[in-house]
Amino acid sequence: MVTSEKLQKALMGGLEQLVGLDNPELIPAVPKILMELYQADILDEEFIKSWGTHVSKKYVDRDTSKKVRKASEPFLKVRIMHYLFSDVFNIGFLFSDMCVNEQKWLEEADDEDSE
């Protein structure tokens, strides 16, 4: 992972220049690019969320920055949904495990009572 927020900002500024100015036909590919950078542990999820919600004119003009960040919304929504649902599924599995353990405990208690 790029360990410094400053370096992550510079990387994303370069992405904005590359996609927003030099190759605007790649703007629809921004979510895929972000996913690759995220999965390769190059960018931190919290940083990407923050980056996607604040337009900047440091590396490109505001309109270009807005277009590139707007294009990132599908990735941001997928990550947020994944985060929310992974917690729901984890809680579900935890509850399921608790029920299985409770069932085993009840069965063992019944066996001991019958003895």
C-alpha atoms as a PDB file:
ATOM      1  CA  MET A   1       0.000   0.000   0.000  1.00  0.00           C
ATOM      2  CA  VAL A   2       1.126   3.537  -0.614  1.00  0.00           C
ATOM      3  CA  THR A   3       1.680   4.473   3.000  1.00  0.00           C
ATOM      4  CA  SER A   4       1.417   8.237   2.822  1.00  0.00           C
ATOM      5  CA  GLU A   5      -1.812  10.104   2.144  1.00  0.00           C
ATOM      6  CA  LYS A   6       0.290  12.669   0.277  1.00  0.00           C
ATOM      7  CA  LEU A   7       1.532   9.956  -2.111  1.00  0.00           C
ATOM      8  CA  GLN A   8      -1.987   8.581  -2.574  1.00  0.00           C
ATOM      9  CA  LYS A   9      -3.194  12.097  -3.460  1.00  0.00           C
ATOM     10  CA  ALA A  10      -0.362  12.483  -5.966  1.00  0.00           C
ATOM     11  CA  LEU A  11      -1.188   9.117  -7.525  1.00  0.00           C
ATOM     12  CA  MET A  12      -4.846  10.054  -7.878  1.00  0.00           C
ATOM     13  CA  GLY A  13      -3.858  13.469  -9.246  1.00  0.00           C
ATOM     14  CA  GLY A  14      -1.842  11.654 -11.895  1.00  0.00           C
ATOM     15  CA  LEU A  15      -4.846   9.445 -12.616  1.00  0.00           C
ATOM     16  CA  GLU A  16      -7.029  12.528 -13.018  1.00  0.00           C
ATOM     17  CA  GLN A  17      -4.533  13.974 -15.498  1.00  0.00           C
ATOM     18  CA  LEU A  18      -4.106  10.718 -17.404  1.00  0.00           C
ATOM     19  CA  VAL A  19      -7.802   9.924 -17.648  1.00  0.00           C
ATOM     20  CA  GLY A  20      -9.396  13.347 -17.414  1.00  0.00           C
ATOM     21  CA  LEU A  21      -7.108  15.308 -19.716  1.00  0.00           C
ATOM     22  CA  ASP A  22      -5.015  12.955 -21.850  1.00  0.00           C
ATOM     23  CA  ASN A  23      -7.462  10.064 -22.374  1.00  0.00           C
ATOM     24  CA  PRO A  24     -11.031  11.165 -21.624  1.00  0.00           C
ATOM     25  CA  GLU A  25     -12.332   8.047 -23.365  1.00  0.00           C
ATOM     26  CA  LEU A  26     -11.049   6.144 -20.298  1.00  0.00           C
ATOM     27  CA  ILE A  27     -13.274   8.018 -17.841  1.00  0.00           C
ATOM     28  CA  PRO A  28     -15.836   5.163 -17.834  1.00  0.00           C
ATOM     29  CA  ALA A  29     -13.009   2.812 -16.776  1.00  0.00           C
ATOM     30  CA  VAL A  30     -12.295   4.760 -13.555  1.00  0.00           C
ATOM     31  CA  PRO A  31     -14.226   2.311 -11.309  1.00  0.00           C
ATOM     32  CA  LYS A  32     -12.229  -0.614 -12.732  1.00  0.00           C
ATOM     33  CA  ILE A  33      -8.961   1.270 -12.306  1.00  0.00           C
ATOM     34  CA  LEU A  34      -9.817   2.089  -8.692  1.00  0.00           C
ATOM     35  CA  MET A  35     -10.755  -1.530  -8.026  1.00  0.00           C
ATOM     36  CA  GLU A  36      -7.399  -2.694  -9.378  1.00  0.00           C
ATOM     37  CA  LEU A  37      -5.498  -0.144  -7.288  1.00  0.00           C
ATOM     38  CA  TYR A  38      -7.514  -1.093  -4.222  1.00  0.00           C
ATOM     39  CA  GLN A  39      -7.153  -4.854  -4.688  1.00  0.00           C
ATOM     40  CA  ALA A  40      -3.410  -4.462  -5.268  1.00  0.00           C
ATOM     41  CA  ASP A  41      -3.249  -2.664  -1.892  1.00  0.00           C
ATOM     42  CA  ILE A  42      -1.952   0.481  -3.553  1.00  0.00           C
ATOM     43  CA  LEU A  43      -4.767   2.694  -2.283  1.00  0.00           C
ATOM     44  CA  ASP A  44      -6.473   2.656   1.084  1.00  0.00           C
ATOM     45  CA  GLU A  45     -10.267   2.295   1.095  1.00  0.00           C
ATOM     46  CA  GLU A  46     -10.777   5.220   3.467  1.00  0.00           C
ATOM     47  CA  PHE A  47      -8.622   7.415   1.259  1.00  0.00           C
ATOM     48  CA  ILE A  48     -10.581   6.473  -1.870  1.00  0.00           C
ATOM     49  CA  LYS A  49     -13.872   7.270  -0.141  1.00  0.00           C
ATOM     50  CA  SER A  50     -12.556  10.653   0.941  1.00  0.00           C
ATOM     51  CA  TRP A  51     -11.022  11.360  -2.467  1.00  0.00           C
ATOM     52  CA  GLY A  52     -14.269  10.532  -4.238  1.00  0.00           C
ATOM     53  CA  THR A  53     -16.273  13.057  -2.260  1.00  0.00           C
ATOM     54  CA  HIS A  54     -14.019  16.138  -2.567  1.00  0.00           C
ATOM     55  CA  VAL A  55     -13.294  17.863  -5.879  1.00  0.00           C
ATOM     56  CA  SER A  56      -9.829  19.422  -6.117  1.00  0.00           C
ATOM     57  CA  LYS A  57      -8.111  21.744  -8.559  1.00  0.00           C
ATOM     58  CA  LYS A  58      -4.579  20.853  -7.473  1.00  0.00           C
ATOM     59  CA  TYR A  59      -3.761  18.528 -10.391  1.00  0.00           C
ATOM     60  CA  VAL A  60      -6.436  19.363 -12.987  1.00  0.00           C
ATOM     61  CA  ASP A  61      -9.178  21.951 -13.376  1.00  0.00           C
ATOM     62  CA  ARG A  62     -12.270  21.550 -11.185  1.00  0.00           C
ATOM     63  CA  ASP A  63     -14.499  20.366 -14.051  1.00  0.00           C
ATOM     64  CA  THR A  64     -12.102  17.585 -14.992  1.00  0.00           C
ATOM     65  CA  SER A  65     -11.670  16.581 -11.359  1.00  0.00           C
ATOM     66  CA  LYS A  66     -15.440  16.512 -10.962  1.00  0.00           C
ATOM     67  CA  LYS A  67     -15.878  14.288 -14.053  1.00  0.00           C
ATOM     68  CA  VAL A  68     -13.269  11.777 -12.908  1.00  0.00           C
ATOM     69  CA  ARG A  69     -14.583  11.641  -9.356  1.00  0.00           C
ATOM     70  CA  LYS A  70     -18.168  11.385 -10.591  1.00  0.00           C
ATOM     71  CA  ALA A  71     -17.060   8.412 -12.686  1.00  0.00           C
ATOM     72  CA  SER A  72     -15.730   6.764  -9.505  1.00  0.00           C
ATOM     73  CA  GLU A  73     -19.200   6.585  -7.922  1.00  0.00           C
ATOM     74  CA  PRO A  74     -19.972   2.987  -8.975  1.00  0.00           C
ATOM     75  CA  PHE A  75     -16.781   1.812  -7.258  1.00  0.00           C
ATOM     76  CA  LEU A  76     -17.538   3.857  -4.153  1.00  0.00           C
ATOM     77  CA  LYS A  77     -21.080   2.511  -3.951  1.00  0.00           C
ATOM     78  CA  VAL A  78     -19.917  -1.079  -4.379  1.00  0.00           C
ATOM     79  CA  ARG A  79     -17.289  -0.670  -1.632  1.00  0.00           C
ATOM     80  CA  ILE A  80     -19.807   0.904   0.748  1.00  0.00           C
ATOM     81  CA  MET A  81     -22.365  -1.839   0.057  1.00  0.00           C
ATOM     82  CA  HIS A  82     -19.688  -4.509   0.476  1.00  0.00           C
ATOM     83  CA  TYR A  83     -18.657  -2.979   3.790  1.00  0.00           C
ATOM     84  CA  LEU A  84     -22.240  -2.798   5.054  1.00  0.00           C
ATOM     85  CA  PHE A  85     -23.245  -6.256   3.887  1.00  0.00           C
ATOM     86  CA  SER A  86     -20.055  -7.929   5.045  1.00  0.00           C
ATOM     87  CA  ASP A  87     -20.894  -6.748   8.563  1.00  0.00           C
ATOM     88  CA  VAL A  88     -24.464  -8.039   8.193  1.00  0.00           C
ATOM     89  CA  PHE A  89     -23.216 -11.413   6.950  1.00  0.00           C
ATOM     90  CA  ASN A  90     -20.605 -11.609   9.703  1.00  0.00           C
ATOM     91  CA  ILE A  91     -23.283 -10.924  12.311  1.00  0.00           C
ATOM     92  CA  GLY A  92     -25.513 -13.532  10.639  1.00  0.00           C
ATOM     93  CA  PHE A  93     -22.758 -16.147  10.751  1.00  0.00           C
ATOM     94  CA  LEU A  94     -21.983 -15.279  14.351  1.00  0.00           C
ATOM     95  CA  PHE A  95     -25.644 -15.638  15.293  1.00  0.00           C
ATOM     96  CA  SER A  96     -25.857 -18.919  13.365  1.00  0.00           C
ATOM     97  CA  ASP A  97     -22.803 -20.260  15.222  1.00  0.00           C
ATOM     98  CA  MET A  98     -24.345 -19.204  18.522  1.00  0.00           C
ATOM     99  CA  CYS A  99     -27.544 -21.092  17.664  1.00  0.00           C
ATOM    100  CA  VAL A 100     -25.613 -24.227  16.701  1.00  0.00           C
ATOM    101  CA  ASN A 101     -23.614 -24.071  19.944  1.00  0.00           C
ATOM    102  CA  GLU A 102     -26.809 -23.509  21.944  1.00  0.00           C
ATOM    103  CA  GLN A 103     -28.414 -26.513  20.223  1.00  0.00           C
ATOM    104  CA  LYS A 104     -25.389 -28.699  21.057  1.00  0.00           C
ATOM    105  CA  TRP A 105     -25.480 -27.510  24.655  1.00  0.00           C
ATOM    106  CA  LEU A 106     -29.195 -28.335  24.920  1.00  0.00           C
ATOM    107  CA  GLU A 107     -28.673 -31.786  23.418  1.00  0.00           C
ATOM    108  CA  GLU A 108     -25.820 -32.503  25.840  1.00  0.00           C
ATOM    109  CA  ALA A 109     -27.902 -31.280  28.750  1.00  0.00           C
ATOM    110  CA  ASP A 110     -30.775 -33.606  27.692  1.00  0.00           C
ATOM    111  CA  ASP A 111     -28.328 -36.539  27.487  1.00  0.00           C
ATOM    112  CA  GLU A 112     -27.050 -35.808  30.999  1.00  0.00           C
ATOM    113  CA  ASP A 113     -30.611 -35.538  32.362  1.00  0.00           C
ATOM    114  CA  SER A 114     -31.608 -38.899  30.886  1.00  0.00           C
ATOM    115  CA  GLU A 115     -28.629 -40.588  32.528  1.00  0.00           C
END
